[in-house]
Protein backbone atom coordinates (compact mmCIF):
# COMPACT_ATOMS: atom_id res chain seq x y z
CA MET A 1 13.14 -4.33 20.46
CA ALA A 2 10.46 -3.28 18.02
CA THR A 3 7.76 -0.93 18.98
CA PHE A 4 4.02 -1.93 18.54
CA GLY A 5 3.79 0.08 15.35
CA GLY A 6 6.85 -1.51 14.05
CA ILE A 7 5.64 -5.09 14.73
CA ARG A 8 2.29 -4.22 13.09
CA GLY A 9 3.98 -2.67 10.14
CA LEU A 10 6.22 -5.70 9.73
CA SER A 11 3.36 -8.02 10.27
CA GLN A 12 1.25 -6.32 7.50
CA ALA A 13 4.07 -6.97 5.01
CA PHE A 14 3.57 -10.72 5.82
CA ILE A 15 -0.21 -10.47 5.72
CA ARG A 16 0.01 -8.77 2.24
CA ARG A 17 2.24 -11.61 1.06
CA GLY A 18 -0.21 -14.23 2.59
CA VAL A 19 -3.15 -12.70 0.79
CA LYS A 20 -1.22 -12.70 -2.52
CA LEU A 21 -0.34 -16.51 -1.87
CA GLY A 22 -4.01 -17.24 -1.20
CA LEU A 23 -3.39 -18.29 2.41
CA SER A 24 -6.25 -18.25 4.93
CA SER A 25 -6.37 -15.62 7.67
CA THR A 26 -5.70 -18.58 10.23
CA ALA A 27 -2.75 -19.92 8.41
CA THR A 28 -1.22 -16.40 8.05
CA ILE A 29 -1.81 -15.57 11.68
CA ASN A 30 -0.33 -18.86 12.87
CA THR A 31 2.72 -18.19 10.69
CA LEU A 32 3.02 -14.75 12.28
CA ARG A 33 2.75 -16.21 15.73
CA LYS A 34 5.44 -18.80 15.13
CA ALA A 35 7.74 -15.91 13.97
CA GLY A 36 6.89 -13.81 17.07
CA LEU A 37 5.10 -11.09 15.16
CA THR A 38 1.75 -10.93 16.85
CA TYR A 39 -0.59 -8.50 18.29
CA ARG A 40 -4.38 -8.49 19.02
CA ARG A 41 -6.12 -11.25 17.14
CA LYS A 42 -9.07 -8.86 16.36
CA ASP A 43 -6.55 -6.31 14.83
CA MET A 44 -4.80 -9.04 12.86
CA LEU A 45 -8.03 -10.25 11.36
CA GLY A 46 -9.07 -6.59 10.52
CA ASP A 47 -5.79 -6.12 8.86
CA PHE A 48 -6.12 -9.46 6.92
CA ARG A 49 -9.69 -8.39 5.79
CA GLU A 50 -8.51 -5.03 4.69
CA TRP A 51 -5.60 -6.47 2.65
CA ALA A 52 -7.76 -9.20 1.22
CA GLN A 53 -9.81 -6.44 -0.63
CA VAL A 54 -6.61 -5.22 -2.41
CA PRO A 55 -6.11 -7.76 -5.12
CA LYS A 56 -9.63 -7.49 -6.67
CA LYS A 57 -9.64 -3.62 -6.34
CA ALA A 58 -5.94 -3.33 -7.55
CA ASN A 59 -6.94 -4.69 -10.85
CA VAL A 60 -9.51 -1.83 -11.40
CA ILE A 61 -7.77 1.29 -9.77
CA LYS A 62 -4.57 1.08 -11.77
CA TYR A 63 -6.69 1.51 -15.07
CA VAL A 64 -8.45 4.74 -13.94
CA ARG A 65 -7.74 7.67 -16.22
CA ARG A 66 -4.90 9.72 -14.58
CA ASP A 67 -6.97 12.95 -14.69
CA TYR A 68 -10.22 11.30 -13.21
CA LEU A 69 -11.17 10.70 -9.56
CA PRO A 70 -11.58 7.10 -8.75
CA SER A 71 -15.23 6.08 -7.65
CA LYS A 72 -15.80 5.08 -4.00
CA ASP A 73 -16.21 1.34 -4.90
CA MET A 74 -12.58 1.24 -6.06
CA TYR A 75 -11.27 2.06 -2.53
CA VAL A 76 -10.35 -0.44 0.17
CA SER A 77 -12.39 0.31 3.24
CA THR A 78 -10.26 0.81 6.48
CA TYR A 79 -11.57 1.26 10.03
CA GLY A 80 -9.76 3.47 12.31
CA LYS A 81 -5.92 2.70 11.71
CA GLN A 82 -5.62 5.41 9.04
CA ARG A 83 -5.09 9.05 10.28
CA ALA A 84 -6.16 10.87 7.05
CA ALA A 85 -9.35 10.00 5.12
CA PHE A 86 -7.41 8.74 2.00
CA ARG A 87 -4.22 6.78 1.53
CA TYR A 88 -2.80 5.72 -1.80
CA GLN A 89 -0.13 3.04 -2.23
CA VAL A 90 2.16 3.32 -5.33
CA THR A 91 4.63 0.50 -6.28
CA GLY A 92 7.18 0.42 -8.99
CA THR A 93 10.85 -0.31 -9.93
CA ILE A 94 14.00 1.76 -9.79
CA TYR A 95 16.48 0.81 -12.56
CA ASN A 96 20.22 1.51 -12.11
CA PRO A 97 21.86 1.42 -15.67
CA GLU A 98 25.33 1.32 -14.29
CA THR A 99 24.76 -1.90 -12.36
CA HIS A 100 21.82 -3.18 -14.46
CA GLU A 101 20.01 -3.62 -11.12
CA ARG A 102 16.18 -3.31 -10.60
CA LEU A 103 14.98 -2.66 -7.18
CA PRO A 104 11.22 -2.56 -6.22
CA PHE A 105 9.82 0.23 -4.15
CA THR A 106 6.50 0.97 -2.37
CA THR A 107 5.44 4.37 -1.15
CA ASN A 108 2.27 5.84 0.38
CA VAL A 109 0.55 9.13 -0.06
CA VAL A 110 -1.76 10.39 2.65
CA SER A 111 -4.48 13.02 2.04
CA GLU A 112 -7.49 14.51 3.62
CA PHE A 113 -9.26 14.72 0.21
CA GLN A 114 -9.61 12.47 -2.86
CA MET A 115 -6.87 12.68 -5.46
CA THR A 116 -6.54 11.81 -9.21
CA PRO A 117 -3.89 9.37 -10.11
CA ASN A 118 -1.79 12.15 -11.58
CA GLN A 119 -1.84 14.02 -8.17
CA VAL A 120 -0.91 10.80 -6.49
CA TYR A 121 1.97 10.12 -8.78
CA ASP A 122 3.25 13.62 -8.46
CA GLU A 123 3.20 13.47 -4.68
CA ALA A 124 4.63 9.86 -4.42
CA LEU A 125 7.38 10.15 -7.02
CA GLU A 126 8.77 13.50 -5.99
CA PRO A 127 11.01 12.29 -3.13
CA ILE A 128 12.06 9.09 -5.06
CA LYS A 129 13.09 11.22 -8.00
CA ALA A 130 15.50 13.23 -5.82
CA SER A 131 17.22 10.07 -4.76
CA THR A 132 17.27 8.55 -8.15
CA GLU A 133 18.88 11.62 -9.65
CA ALA A 134 21.62 11.37 -7.01
CA TYR A 135 22.45 7.72 -8.02
CA SER A 136 21.75 8.13 -11.76
CA SER A 137 18.82 5.78 -11.75
CA ASP A 138 15.35 5.73 -13.38
CA ILE A 139 11.97 5.14 -12.20
CA GLU A 140 10.07 2.58 -14.24
CA ASN A 141 6.86 0.65 -14.28
CA TYR A 142 5.10 2.43 -11.39
CA VAL A 143 1.34 1.95 -10.72
CA MET A 144 -1.15 2.93 -8.06
CA GLU A 145 -1.69 -0.53 -6.43
CA ALA A 146 -4.29 0.46 -4.03
CA ALA A 147 -6.35 3.29 -2.65
CA PHE A 148 -7.73 3.31 0.88
CA TYR A 149 -10.65 5.20 2.47
CA LYS A 150 -11.24 5.50 6.05
CA GLU A 151 -14.79 4.68 6.76
CA GLY A 152 -16.90 7.25 8.60
CA GLU A 153 -14.90 10.23 6.96
CA PHE A 154 -16.65 12.80 4.76
CA TRP A 155 -16.81 11.76 1.05
CA ASP A 156 -16.91 14.62 -1.47
């Protein structure tokens, strides 16, 4: 049996996919209910609204110079679910030259302070580099897909 956090985390993967496909919040929530992945409607709608901000802001944040701090309007606003003030999501691909296989990955960096893209990539890719070295793989095509800011926290 999945825990509440597990159900919510799994549901958010479907919510992100629904947003990418252009589905409405009602259609996405109904699909989740049919699959048995449901939690409070208010929270589901909040998650949907949060993830709906990502596509338009992702097209901007990935082009920020790596040594500059992104401006506040490039962040996705979150309300209460995030423990730290800032969270950054990095996606990319791992390539295995032996099997010619490409595997997508997503990782998050959580911080109490705003970070430059270089700082985010250093934090996000460090544990992935350790595993790719063990399997003779390479990290390729990584990008900061989204940056989240918890509303109500101090902004520098």
